[in-house]
């Protein structure tokens, strides 16, 4: 488990920390406008907002963005297909780093 925490810290995902949209953008390698658009398309993606209306992404939000990115960009799901996939999976399953790692490895094998 410690290794998982170290990997996330190396990627910039620190548990119990809030990220502004710029930080979330940097971690996920997605422009902020994509993150804002995905909020309108995926009801599961709802970062908190500060009193000033600024988005505050938590670790779980960043992980969800990475999962959505994988579905759309790697697995070539449509937005509707990604929505259905998110609904079909239980929250704990699709946020499990081991499952995400396994699916990313399968994707790499396909690409090789």
PDB file of N, CA and C in Angstrom:
ATOM      1  N   UNK A   1       0.826  -1.198   0.000  1.00  0.00           N
ATOM      2  CA  UNK A   1       0.000   0.000   0.000  1.00  0.00           C
ATOM      3  C   UNK A   1       0.870   1.261   0.000  1.00  0.00           C
ATOM      4  N   UNK A   2       1.990   1.196   0.703  1.00  0.00           N
ATOM      5  CA  UNK A   2       2.879   2.344   0.747  1.00  0.00           C
ATOM      6  C   UNK A   2       3.389   2.678  -0.648  1.00  0.00           C
ATOM      7  N   UNK A   3       3.664   1.645  -1.438  1.00  0.00           N
ATOM      8  CA  UNK A   3       4.158   1.867  -2.791  1.00  0.00           C
ATOM      9  C   UNK A   3       3.125   2.637  -3.605  1.00  0.00           C
ATOM     10  N   UNK A   4       1.846   2.307  -3.461  1.00  0.00           N
ATOM     11  CA  UNK A   4       0.780   3.033  -4.160  1.00  0.00           C
ATOM     12  C   UNK A   4       0.792   4.502  -3.799  1.00  0.00           C
ATOM     13  N   UNK A   5       0.931   4.809  -2.508  1.00  0.00           N
ATOM     14  CA  UNK A   5       0.952   6.196  -2.067  1.00  0.00           C
ATOM     15  C   UNK A   5       2.151   6.927  -2.648  1.00  0.00           C
ATOM     16  N   UNK A   6       3.297   6.247  -2.673  1.00  0.00           N
ATOM     17  CA  UNK A   6       4.488   6.866  -3.232  1.00  0.00           C
ATOM     18  C   UNK A   6       4.304   7.161  -4.712  1.00  0.00           C
ATOM     19  N   UNK A   7       3.696   6.220  -5.458  1.00  0.00           N
ATOM     20  CA  UNK A   7       3.470   6.428  -6.882  1.00  0.00           C
ATOM     21  C   UNK A   7       2.560   7.620  -7.121  1.00  0.00           C
ATOM     22  N   UNK A   8       1.522   7.751  -6.342  1.00  0.00           N
ATOM     23  CA  UNK A   8       0.583   8.859  -6.515  1.00  0.00           C
ATOM     24  C   UNK A   8       1.240  10.183  -6.175  1.00  0.00           C
ATOM     25  N   UNK A   9       2.065  10.187  -5.143  1.00  0.00           N
ATOM     26  CA  UNK A   9       2.760  11.423  -4.790  1.00  0.00           C
ATOM     27  C   UNK A   9       3.737  11.809  -5.886  1.00  0.00           C
ATOM     28  N   UNK A  10       4.363  10.828  -6.503  1.00  0.00           N
ATOM     29  CA  UNK A  10       5.280  11.117  -7.603  1.00  0.00           C
ATOM     30  C   UNK A  10       4.533  11.704  -8.780  1.00  0.00           C
ATOM     31  N   UNK A  11       3.302  11.257  -9.034  1.00  0.00           N
ATOM     32  CA  UNK A  11       2.501  11.780 -10.137  1.00  0.00           C
ATOM     33  C   UNK A  11       1.860  13.109  -9.770  1.00  0.00           C
ATOM     34  N   UNK A  12       1.935  13.495  -8.517  1.00  0.00           N
ATOM     35  CA  UNK A  12       1.354  14.761  -8.103  1.00  0.00           C
ATOM     36  C   UNK A  12       0.004  14.627  -7.428  1.00  0.00           C
ATOM     37  N   UNK A  13      -0.441  13.404  -7.182  1.00  0.00           N
ATOM     38  CA  UNK A  13      -1.727  13.193  -6.510  1.00  0.00           C
ATOM     39  C   UNK A  13      -1.435  12.912  -5.046  1.00  0.00           C
ATOM     40  N   UNK A  14      -1.649  13.885  -4.202  1.00  0.00           N
ATOM     41  CA  UNK A  14      -1.367  13.751  -2.782  1.00  0.00           C
ATOM     42  C   UNK A  14      -2.695  13.577  -2.053  1.00  0.00           C
ATOM     43  N   UNK A  15      -2.816  12.492  -1.256  1.00  0.00           N
ATOM     44  CA  UNK A  15      -4.072  12.281  -0.528  1.00  0.00           C
ATOM     45  C   UNK A  15      -4.408  13.467   0.372  1.00  0.00           C
ATOM     46  N   UNK A  16      -5.688  13.732   0.555  1.00  0.00           N
ATOM     47  CA  UNK A  16      -6.193  14.780   1.450  1.00  0.00           C
ATOM     48  C   UNK A  16      -5.729  16.182   1.045  1.00  0.00           C
ATOM     49  N   UNK A  17      -5.556  16.418  -0.208  1.00  0.00           N
ATOM     50  CA  UNK A  17      -5.179  17.740  -0.691  1.00  0.00           C
ATOM     51  C   UNK A  17      -6.188  18.166  -1.742  1.00  0.00           C
ATOM     52  N   UNK A  18      -6.431  19.453  -1.797  1.00  0.00           N
ATOM     53  CA  UNK A  18      -7.301  19.994  -2.833  1.00  0.00           C
ATOM     54  C   UNK A  18      -6.441  20.585  -3.935  1.00  0.00           C
ATOM     55  N   UNK A  19      -6.907  20.426  -5.159  1.00  0.00           N
ATOM     56  CA  UNK A  19      -6.194  20.953  -6.313  1.00  0.00           C
ATOM     57  C   UNK A  19      -7.072  21.958  -7.027  1.00  0.00           C
ATOM     58  N   UNK A  20      -6.482  23.072  -7.451  1.00  0.00           N
ATOM     59  CA  UNK A  20      -7.223  24.006  -8.296  1.00  0.00           C
ATOM     60  C   UNK A  20      -7.294  23.387  -9.690  1.00  0.00           C
ATOM     61  N   UNK A  21      -8.077  23.959 -10.571  1.00  0.00           N
ATOM     62  CA  UNK A  21      -8.259  23.378 -11.890  1.00  0.00           C
ATOM     63  C   UNK A  21      -6.941  23.342 -12.668  1.00  0.00           C
ATOM     64  N   UNK A  22      -6.078  24.319 -12.435  1.00  0.00           N
ATOM     65  CA  UNK A  22      -4.779  24.331 -13.104  1.00  0.00           C
ATOM     66  C   UNK A  22      -3.903  23.161 -12.686  1.00  0.00           C
ATOM     67  N   UNK A  23      -3.917  22.848 -11.383  1.00  0.00           N
ATOM     68  CA  UNK A  23      -3.146  21.706 -10.891  1.00  0.00           C
ATOM     69  C   UNK A  23      -3.731  20.396 -11.408  1.00  0.00           C
ATOM     70  N   UNK A  24      -5.051  20.280 -11.387  1.00  0.00           N
ATOM     71  CA  UNK A  24      -5.701  19.074 -11.908  1.00  0.00           C
ATOM     72  C   UNK A  24      -5.391  18.915 -13.395  1.00  0.00           C
ATOM     73  N   UNK A  25      -5.358  20.018 -14.106  1.00  0.00           N
ATOM     74  CA  UNK A  25      -5.026  20.008 -15.526  1.00  0.00           C
ATOM     75  C   UNK A  25      -3.600  19.497 -15.741  1.00  0.00           C
ATOM     76  N   UNK A  26      -2.677  19.972 -14.933  1.00  0.00           N
ATOM     77  CA  UNK A  26      -1.277  19.557 -15.054  1.00  0.00           C
ATOM     78  C   UNK A  26      -1.108  18.075 -14.746  1.00  0.00           C
ATOM     79  N   UNK A  27      -1.780  17.592 -13.702  1.00  0.00           N
ATOM     80  CA  UNK A  27      -1.662  16.193 -13.297  1.00  0.00           C
ATOM     81  C   UNK A  27      -2.243  15.266 -14.368  1.00  0.00           C
ATOM     82  N   UNK A  28      -3.367  15.639 -14.938  1.00  0.00           N
ATOM     83  CA  UNK A  28      -4.064  14.775 -15.893  1.00  0.00           C
ATOM     84  C   UNK A  28      -3.633  14.999 -17.338  1.00  0.00           C
ATOM     85  N   UNK A  29      -2.851  16.060 -17.570  1.00  0.00           N
ATOM     86  CA  UNK A  29      -2.424  16.419 -18.929  1.00  0.00           C
ATOM     87  C   UNK A  29      -3.628  16.707 -19.831  1.00  0.00           C
ATOM     88  N   UNK A  30      -4.602  17.391 -19.263  1.00  0.00           N
ATOM     89  CA  UNK A  30      -5.790  17.812 -20.001  1.00  0.00           C
ATOM     90  C   UNK A  30      -5.985  19.310 -19.802  1.00  0.00           C
ATOM     91  N   UNK A  31      -6.421  20.024 -20.833  1.00  0.00           N
ATOM     92  CA  UNK A  31      -6.667  21.460 -20.641  1.00  0.00           C
ATOM     93  C   UNK A  31      -7.864  21.700 -19.718  1.00  0.00           C
ATOM     94  N   UNK A  32      -7.860  22.819 -18.997  1.00  0.00           N
ATOM     95  CA  UNK A  32      -8.955  23.118 -18.074  1.00  0.00           C
ATOM     96  C   UNK A  32     -10.332  23.107 -18.735  1.00  0.00           C
ATOM     97  N   UNK A  33     -10.425  23.536 -20.003  1.00  0.00           N
ATOM     98  CA  UNK A  33     -11.744  23.556 -20.636  1.00  0.00           C
ATOM     99  C   UNK A  33     -12.312  22.149 -20.805  1.00  0.00           C
ATOM    100  N   UNK A  34     -11.446  21.156 -20.959  1.00  0.00           N
ATOM    101  CA  UNK A  34     -11.912  19.768 -21.046  1.00  0.00           C
ATOM    102  C   UNK A  34     -12.467  19.330 -19.692  1.00  0.00           C
ATOM    103  N   UNK A  35     -11.766  19.672 -18.627  1.00  0.00           N
ATOM    104  CA  UNK A  35     -12.242  19.314 -17.284  1.00  0.00           C
ATOM    105  C   UNK A  35     -13.607  19.946 -17.021  1.00  0.00           C
ATOM    106  N   UNK A  36     -13.753  21.215 -17.384  1.00  0.00           N
ATOM    107  CA  UNK A  36     -15.052  21.885 -17.185  1.00  0.00           C
ATOM    108  C   UNK A  36     -16.138  21.246 -18.044  1.00  0.00           C
ATOM    109  N   UNK A  37     -15.809  20.891 -19.286  1.00  0.00           N
ATOM    110  CA  UNK A  37     -16.788  20.249 -20.162  1.00  0.00           C
ATOM    111  C   UNK A  37     -17.211  18.897 -19.601  1.00  0.00           C
ATOM    112  N   UNK A  38     -16.235  18.108 -19.137  1.00  0.00           N
ATOM    113  CA  UNK A  38     -16.568  16.795 -18.596  1.00  0.00           C
ATOM    114  C   UNK A  38     -17.469  16.904 -17.376  1.00  0.00           C
ATOM    115  N   UNK A  39     -17.364  17.976 -16.608  1.00  0.00           N
ATOM    116  CA  UNK A  39     -18.276  18.176 -15.473  1.00  0.00           C
ATOM    117  C   UNK A  39     -19.725  18.252 -15.952  1.00  0.00           C
ATOM    118  N   UNK A  40     -19.928  18.798 -17.145  1.00  0.00           N
ATOM    119  CA  UNK A  40     -21.298  18.901 -17.674  1.00  0.00           C
ATOM    120  C   UNK A  40     -21.780  17.574 -18.242  1.00  0.00           C
ATOM    121  N   UNK A  41     -20.854  16.689 -18.578  1.00  0.00           N
ATOM    122  CA  UNK A  41     -21.209  15.435 -19.231  1.00  0.00           C
ATOM    123  C   UNK A  41     -21.276  14.235 -18.288  1.00  0.00           C
ATOM    124  N   UNK A  42     -20.542  14.292 -17.194  1.00  0.00           N
ATOM    125  CA  UNK A  42     -20.466  13.166 -16.256  1.00  0.00           C
ATOM    126  C   UNK A  42     -20.906  13.627 -14.877  1.00  0.00           C
ATOM    127  N   UNK A  43     -22.068  13.145 -14.440  1.00  0.00           N
ATOM    128  CA  UNK A  43     -22.607  13.589 -13.150  1.00  0.00           C
ATOM    129  C   UNK A  43     -21.732  13.152 -11.977  1.00  0.00           C
ATOM    130  N   UNK A  44     -20.907  12.125 -12.188  1.00  0.00           N
ATOM    131  CA  UNK A  44     -20.024  11.656 -11.124  1.00  0.00           C
ATOM    132  C   UNK A  44     -18.888  12.651 -10.852  1.00  0.00           C
ATOM    133  N   UNK A  45     -18.574  13.466 -11.821  1.00  0.00           N
ATOM    134  CA  UNK A  45     -17.477  14.425 -11.686  1.00  0.00           C
ATOM    135  C   UNK A  45     -18.039  15.763 -11.214  1.00  0.00           C
ATOM    136  N   UNK A  46     -17.968  15.994  -9.927  1.00  0.00           N
ATOM    137  CA  UNK A  46     -18.467  17.231  -9.331  1.00  0.00           C
ATOM    138  C   UNK A  46     -17.478  17.726  -8.287  1.00  0.00           C
ATOM    139  N   UNK A  47     -16.424  18.427  -8.707  1.00  0.00           N
ATOM    140  CA  UNK A  47     -15.493  18.950  -7.702  1.00  0.00           C
ATOM    141  C   UNK A  47     -16.184  19.988  -6.824  1.00  0.00           C
ATOM    142  N   UNK A  48     -15.723  20.087  -5.601  1.00  0.00           N
ATOM    143  CA  UNK A  48     -16.272  21.101  -4.704  1.00  0.00           C
ATOM    144  C   UNK A  48     -15.899  22.469  -5.240  1.00  0.00           C
ATOM    145  N   UNK A  49     -16.629  23.466  -4.789  1.00  0.00           N
ATOM    146  CA  UNK A  49     -16.290  24.836  -5.162  1.00  0.00           C
ATOM    147  C   UNK A  49     -16.051  25.646  -3.894  1.00  0.00           C
ATOM    148  N   UNK A  50     -15.073  26.523  -3.978  1.00  0.00           N
ATOM    149  CA  UNK A  50     -14.764  27.388  -2.837  1.00  0.00           C
ATOM    150  C   UNK A  50     -15.822  28.486  -2.752  1.00  0.00           C
ATOM    151  N   UNK A  51     -15.743  29.281  -1.722  1.00  0.00           N
ATOM    152  CA  UNK A  51     -16.702  30.386  -1.585  1.00  0.00           C
ATOM    153  C   UNK A  51     -16.639  31.324  -2.774  1.00  0.00           C
ATOM    154  N   UNK A  52     -15.472  31.448  -3.366  1.00  0.00           N
ATOM    155  CA  UNK A  52     -15.294  32.320  -4.528  1.00  0.00           C
ATOM    156  C   UNK A  52     -15.698  31.655  -5.834  1.00  0.00           C
ATOM    157  N   UNK A  53     -16.149  30.403  -5.770  1.00  0.00           N
ATOM    158  CA  UNK A  53     -16.598  29.699  -6.963  1.00  0.00           C
ATOM    159  C   UNK A  53     -15.492  28.947  -7.696  1.00  0.00           C
ATOM    160  N   UNK A  54     -14.296  28.870  -7.107  1.00  0.00           N
ATOM    161  CA  UNK A  54     -13.194  28.148  -7.742  1.00  0.00           C
ATOM    162  C   UNK A  54     -13.337  26.653  -7.488  1.00  0.00           C
ATOM    163  N   UNK A  55     -13.052  25.867  -8.515  1.00  0.00           N
ATOM    164  CA  UNK A  55     -13.135  24.414  -8.379  1.00  0.00           C
ATOM    165  C   UNK A  55     -12.018  23.915  -7.467  1.00  0.00           C
ATOM    166  N   UNK A  56     -12.384  22.932  -6.623  1.00  0.00           N
ATOM    167  CA  UNK A  56     -11.425  22.311  -5.706  1.00  0.00           C
ATOM    168  C   UNK A  56     -11.506  20.798  -5.915  1.00  0.00           C
ATOM    169  N   UNK A  57     -10.584  20.293  -6.704  1.00  0.00           N
ATOM    170  CA  UNK A  57     -10.551  18.866  -7.005  1.00  0.00           C
ATOM    171  C   UNK A  57      -9.872  18.112  -5.870  1.00  0.00           C
ATOM    172  N   UNK A  58     -10.493  17.015  -5.450  1.00  0.00           N
ATOM    173  CA  UNK A  58      -9.890  16.125  -4.474  1.00  0.00           C
ATOM    174  C   UNK A  58      -9.207  14.986  -5.213  1.00  0.00           C
ATOM    175  N   UNK A  59      -8.495  14.171  -4.484  1.00  0.00           N
ATOM    176  CA  UNK A  59      -7.813  13.015  -5.065  1.00  0.00           C
ATOM    177  C   UNK A  59      -8.794  12.157  -5.858  1.00  0.00           C
ATOM    178  N   UNK A  60      -9.961  11.902  -5.298  1.00  0.00           N
ATOM    179  CA  UNK A  60     -10.947  11.052  -5.980  1.00  0.00           C
ATOM    180  C   UNK A  60     -11.423  11.681  -7.288  1.00  0.00           C
ATOM    181  N   UNK A  61     -11.510  13.005  -7.328  1.00  0.00           N
ATOM    182  CA  UNK A  61     -11.916  13.684  -8.554  1.00  0.00           C
ATOM    183  C   UNK A  61     -10.849  13.530  -9.639  1.00  0.00           C
ATOM    184  N   UNK A  62      -9.586  13.676  -9.249  1.00  0.00           N
ATOM    185  CA  UNK A  62      -8.485  13.538 -10.211  1.00  0.00           C
ATOM    186  C   UNK A  62      -8.423  12.106 -10.733  1.00  0.00           C
ATOM    187  N   UNK A  63      -8.613  11.138  -9.840  1.00  0.00           N
ATOM    188  CA  UNK A  63      -8.614   9.736 -10.269  1.00  0.00           C
ATOM    189  C   UNK A  63      -9.768   9.464 -11.233  1.00  0.00           C
ATOM    190  N   UNK A  64     -10.914  10.062 -10.965  1.00  0.00           N
ATOM    191  CA  UNK A  64     -12.057   9.897 -11.865  1.00  0.00           C
ATOM    192  C   UNK A  64     -11.761  10.511 -13.232  1.00  0.00           C
ATOM    193  N   UNK A  65     -11.141  11.669 -13.254  1.00  0.00           N
ATOM    194  CA  UNK A  65     -10.765  12.294 -14.528  1.00  0.00           C
ATOM    195  C   UNK A  65      -9.823  11.375 -15.298  1.00  0.00           C
ATOM    196  N   UNK A  66      -8.862  10.773 -14.611  1.00  0.00           N
ATOM    197  CA  UNK A  66      -7.934   9.860 -15.267  1.00  0.00           C
ATOM    198  C   UNK A  66      -8.656   8.630 -15.822  1.00  0.00           C
ATOM    199  N   UNK A  67      -9.649   8.161 -15.089  1.00  0.00           N
ATOM    200  CA  UNK A  67     -10.444   7.015 -15.559  1.00  0.00           C
ATOM    201  C   UNK A  67     -11.251   7.401 -16.799  1.00  0.00           C
ATOM    202  N   UNK A  68     -11.897   8.542 -16.759  1.00  0.00           N
ATOM    203  CA  UNK A  68     -12.671   9.016 -17.916  1.00  0.00           C
ATOM    204  C   UNK A  68     -11.740   9.204 -19.113  1.00  0.00           C
ATOM    205  N   UNK A  69     -10.585   9.775 -18.863  1.00  0.00           N
ATOM    206  CA  UNK A  69      -9.601   9.973 -19.940  1.00  0.00           C
ATOM    207  C   UNK A  69      -9.227   8.633 -20.559  1.00  0.00           C
ATOM    208  N   UNK A  70      -9.012   7.628 -19.737  1.00  0.00           N
ATOM    209  CA  UNK A  70      -8.688   6.296 -20.235  1.00  0.00           C
ATOM    210  C   UNK A  70      -9.818   5.743 -21.099  1.00  0.00           C
ATOM    211  N   UNK A  71     -11.044   5.892 -20.628  1.00  0.00           N
ATOM    212  CA  UNK A  71     -12.189   5.386 -21.397  1.00  0.00           C
ATOM    213  C   UNK A  71     -12.305   6.082 -22.749  1.00  0.00           C
ATOM    214  N   UNK A  72     -12.166   7.405 -22.751  1.00  0.00           N
ATOM    215  CA  UNK A  72     -12.364   8.170 -23.976  1.00  0.00           C
ATOM    216  C   UNK A  72     -11.172   8.097 -24.928  1.00  0.00           C
ATOM    217  N   UNK A  73      -9.978   8.239 -24.404  1.00  0.00           N
ATOM    218  CA  UNK A  73      -8.798   8.370 -25.265  1.00  0.00           C
ATOM    219  C   UNK A  73      -8.120   7.043 -25.581  1.00  0.00           C
ATOM    220  N   UNK A  74      -8.088   6.132 -24.615  1.00  0.00           N
ATOM    221  CA  UNK A  74      -7.396   4.862 -24.829  1.00  0.00           C
ATOM    222  C   UNK A  74      -8.346   3.781 -25.342  1.00  0.00           C
ATOM    223  N   UNK A  75      -9.497   3.671 -24.694  1.00  0.00           N
ATOM    224  CA  UNK A  75     -10.448   2.628 -25.079  1.00  0.00           C
ATOM    225  C   UNK A  75     -11.408   3.081 -26.173  1.00  0.00           C
ATOM    226  N   UNK A  76     -11.338   4.359 -26.525  1.00  0.00           N
ATOM    227  CA  UNK A  76     -12.120   4.939 -27.634  1.00  0.00           C
ATOM    228  C   UNK A  76     -13.637   4.862 -27.424  1.00  0.00           C
ATOM    229  N   UNK A  77     -14.072   4.989 -26.163  1.00  0.00           N
ATOM    230  CA  UNK A  77     -15.503   5.057 -25.872  1.00  0.00           C
ATOM    231  C   UNK A  77     -16.032   6.413 -26.345  1.00  0.00           C
ATOM    232  N   UNK A  78     -17.303   6.453 -26.690  1.00  0.00           N
ATOM    233  CA  UNK A  78     -17.964   7.736 -26.885  1.00  0.00           C
ATOM    234  C   UNK A  78     -18.304   8.280 -25.500  1.00  0.00           C
ATOM    235  N   UNK A  79     -18.744   9.524 -25.438  1.00  0.00           N
ATOM    236  CA  UNK A  79     -19.134  10.080 -24.138  1.00  0.00           C
ATOM    237  C   UNK A  79     -20.303   9.282 -23.561  1.00  0.00           C
ATOM    238  N   UNK A  80     -21.275   8.951 -24.400  1.00  0.00           N
ATOM    239  CA  UNK A  80     -22.405   8.144 -23.920  1.00  0.00           C
ATOM    240  C   UNK A  80     -21.943   6.767 -23.443  1.00  0.00           C
ATOM    241  N   UNK A  81     -21.031   6.163 -24.181  1.00  0.00           N
ATOM    242  CA  UNK A  81     -20.508   4.857 -23.792  1.00  0.00           C
ATOM    243  C   UNK A  81     -19.741   4.931 -22.481  1.00  0.00           C
ATOM    244  N   UNK A  82     -18.966   5.998 -22.306  1.00  0.00           N
ATOM    245  CA  UNK A  82     -18.215   6.177 -21.056  1.00  0.00           C
ATOM    246  C   UNK A  82     -19.178   6.382 -19.886  1.00  0.00           C
ATOM    247  N   UNK A  83     -20.246   7.139 -20.117  1.00  0.00           N
ATOM    248  CA  UNK A  83     -21.255   7.328 -19.059  1.00  0.00           C
ATOM    249  C   UNK A  83     -21.833   5.989 -18.629  1.00  0.00           C
ATOM    250  N   UNK A  84     -22.187   5.151 -19.605  1.00  0.00           N
ATOM    251  CA  UNK A  84     -22.765   3.832 -19.301  1.00  0.00           C
ATOM    252  C   UNK A  84     -21.755   2.969 -18.552  1.00  0.00           C
ATOM    253  N   UNK A  85     -20.503   3.015 -18.985  1.00  0.00           N
ATOM    254  CA  UNK A  85     -19.459   2.231 -18.323  1.00  0.00           C
ATOM    255  C   UNK A  85     -19.301   2.667 -16.868  1.00  0.00           C
ATOM    256  N   UNK A  86     -19.327   3.958 -16.622  1.00  0.00           N
ATOM    257  CA  UNK A  86     -19.214   4.456 -15.246  1.00  0.00           C
ATOM    258  C   UNK A  86     -20.397   4.001 -14.405  1.00  0.00           C
ATOM    259  N   UNK A  87     -21.577   4.016 -14.997  1.00  0.00           N
ATOM    260  CA  UNK A  87     -22.769   3.576 -14.258  1.00  0.00           C
ATOM    261  C   UNK A  87     -22.721   2.089 -13.965  1.00  0.00           C
ATOM    262  N   UNK A  88     -22.158   1.307 -14.881  1.00  0.00           N
ATOM    263  CA  UNK A  88     -22.128  -0.152 -14.732  1.00  0.00           C
ATOM    264  C   UNK A  88     -21.135  -0.619 -13.677  1.00  0.00           C
ATOM    265  N   UNK A  89     -20.166   0.179 -13.386  1.00  0.00           N
ATOM    266  CA  UNK A  89     -19.145  -0.206 -12.407  1.00  0.00           C
ATOM    267  C   UNK A  89     -19.459   0.407 -11.052  1.00  0.00           C
ATOM    268  N   UNK A  90     -19.147  -0.338 -10.038  1.00  0.00           N
ATOM    269  CA  UNK A  90     -19.320   0.216  -8.698  1.00  0.00           C
ATOM    270  C   UNK A  90     -18.185   1.186  -8.438  1.00  0.00           C
ATOM    271  N   UNK A  91     -18.468   2.238  -7.713  1.00  0.00           N
ATOM    272  CA  UNK A  91     -17.489   3.304  -7.478  1.00  0.00           C
ATOM    273  C   UNK A  91     -16.145   2.772  -6.982  1.00  0.00           C
ATOM    274  N   UNK A  92     -16.165   1.863  -6.047  1.00  0.00           N
ATOM    275  CA  UNK A  92     -14.896   1.382  -5.505  1.00  0.00           C
ATOM    276  C   UNK A  92     -14.092   0.623  -6.553  1.00  0.00           C
ATOM    277  N   UNK A  93     -14.766  -0.024  -7.495  1.00  0.00           N
ATOM    278  CA  UNK A  93     -14.058  -0.777  -8.523  1.00  0.00           C
ATOM    279  C   UNK A  93     -13.327   0.135  -9.484  1.00  0.00           C
ATOM    280  N   UNK A  94     -13.996   1.168 -10.000  1.00  0.00           N
ATOM    281  CA  UNK A  94     -13.331   1.973 -11.021  1.00  0.00           C
ATOM    282  C   UNK A  94     -12.383   2.996 -10.450  1.00  0.00           C
ATOM    283  N   UNK A  95     -12.350   3.149  -9.151  1.00  0.00           N
ATOM    284  CA  UNK A  95     -11.341   4.021  -8.549  1.00  0.00           C
ATOM    285  C   UNK A  95     -10.164   3.222  -7.986  1.00  0.00           C
ATOM    286  N   UNK A  96     -10.269   1.897  -8.064  1.00  0.00           N
ATOM    287  CA  UNK A  96      -9.203   1.050  -7.543  1.00  0.00           C
ATOM    288  C   UNK A  96      -7.975   1.154  -8.438  1.00  0.00           C
ATOM    289  N   UNK A  97      -6.868   1.646  -7.912  1.00  0.00           N
ATOM    290  CA  UNK A  97      -5.661   1.819  -8.736  1.00  0.00           C
ATOM    291  C   UNK A  97      -5.164   0.523  -9.368  1.00  0.00           C
ATOM    292  N   UNK A  98      -5.370  -0.616  -8.694  1.00  0.00           N
ATOM    293  CA  UNK A  98      -4.909  -1.881  -9.261  1.00  0.00           C
ATOM    294  C   UNK A  98      -5.691  -2.244 -10.520  1.00  0.00           C
ATOM    295  N   UNK A  99      -6.980  -1.962 -10.523  1.00  0.00           N
ATOM    296  CA  UNK A  99      -7.797  -2.232 -11.706  1.00  0.00           C
ATOM    297  C   UNK A  99      -7.402  -1.290 -12.833  1.00  0.00           C
ATOM    298  N   UNK A 100      -7.194  -0.024 -12.515  1.00  0.00           N
ATOM    299  CA  UNK A 100      -6.778   0.948 -13.533  1.00  0.00           C
ATOM    300  C   UNK A 100      -5.427   0.535 -14.104  1.00  0.00           C
ATOM    301  N   UNK A 101      -4.490   0.139 -13.244  1.00  0.00           N
ATOM    302  CA  UNK A 101      -3.163  -0.288 -13.698  1.00  0.00           C
ATOM    303  C   UNK A 101      -3.283  -1.487 -14.633  1.00  0.00           C
ATOM    304  N   UNK A 102      -4.100  -2.469 -14.263  1.00  0.00           N
ATOM    305  CA  UNK A 102      -4.284  -3.671 -15.082  1.00  0.00           C
ATOM    306  C   UNK A 102      -4.839  -3.300 -16.457  1.00  0.00           C
ATOM    307  N   UNK A 103      -5.832  -2.430 -16.488  1.00  0.00           N
ATOM    308  CA  UNK A 103      -6.436  -2.038 -17.756  1.00  0.00           C
ATOM    309  C   UNK A 103      -5.464  -1.237 -18.612  1.00  0.00           C
ATOM    310  N   UNK A 104      -4.641  -0.405 -17.977  1.00  0.00           N
ATOM    311  CA  UNK A 104      -3.636   0.333 -18.730  1.00  0.00           C
ATOM    312  C   UNK A 104      -2.582  -0.613 -19.310  1.00  0.00           C
ATOM    313  N   UNK A 105      -2.203  -1.639 -18.553  1.00  0.00           N
ATOM    314  CA  UNK A 105      -1.250  -2.625 -19.053  1.00  0.00           C
ATOM    315  C   UNK A 105      -1.825  -3.376 -20.232  1.00  0.00           C
ATOM    316  N   UNK A 106      -3.122  -3.735 -20.158  1.00  0.00           N
ATOM    317  CA  UNK A 106      -3.774  -4.417 -21.281  1.00  0.00           C
ATOM    318  C   UNK A 106      -3.778  -3.524 -22.517  1.00  0.00           C
ATOM    319  N   UNK A 107      -4.025  -2.235 -22.306  1.00  0.00           N
ATOM    320  CA  UNK A 107      -4.022  -1.288 -23.424  1.00  0.00           C
ATOM    321  C   UNK A 107      -2.634  -1.206 -24.043  1.00  0.00           C
ATOM    322  N   UNK A 108      -1.586  -1.165 -23.206  1.00  0.00           N
ATOM    323  CA  UNK A 108      -0.218  -1.117 -23.721  1.00  0.00           C
ATOM    324  C   UNK A 108       0.115  -2.370 -24.531  1.00  0.00           C
ATOM    325  N   UNK A 109      -0.361  -3.530 -24.074  1.00  0.00           N
ATOM    326  CA  UNK A 109      -0.104  -4.764 -24.814  1.00  0.00           C
ATOM    327  C   UNK A 109      -0.767  -4.726 -26.185  1.00  0.00           C
ATOM    328  N   UNK A 110      -1.942  -4.164 -26.259  1.00  0.00           N
ATOM    329  CA  UNK A 110      -2.645  -4.042 -27.539  1.00  0.00           C
ATOM    330  C   UNK A 110      -1.880  -3.130 -28.477  1.00  0.00           C
ATOM    331  N   UNK A 111      -1.321  -2.043 -27.947  1.00  0.00           N
ATOM    332  CA  UNK A 111      -0.611  -1.074 -28.762  1.00  0.00           C
ATOM    333  C   UNK A 111       0.750  -1.579 -29.231  1.00  0.00           C
ATOM    334  N   UNK A 112       1.316  -2.545 -28.538  1.00  0.00           N
ATOM    335  CA  UNK A 112       2.657  -3.036 -28.909  1.00  0.00           C
ATOM    336  C   UNK A 112       2.633  -3.939 -30.101  1.00  0.00           C
TER     337      UNK A 112
END
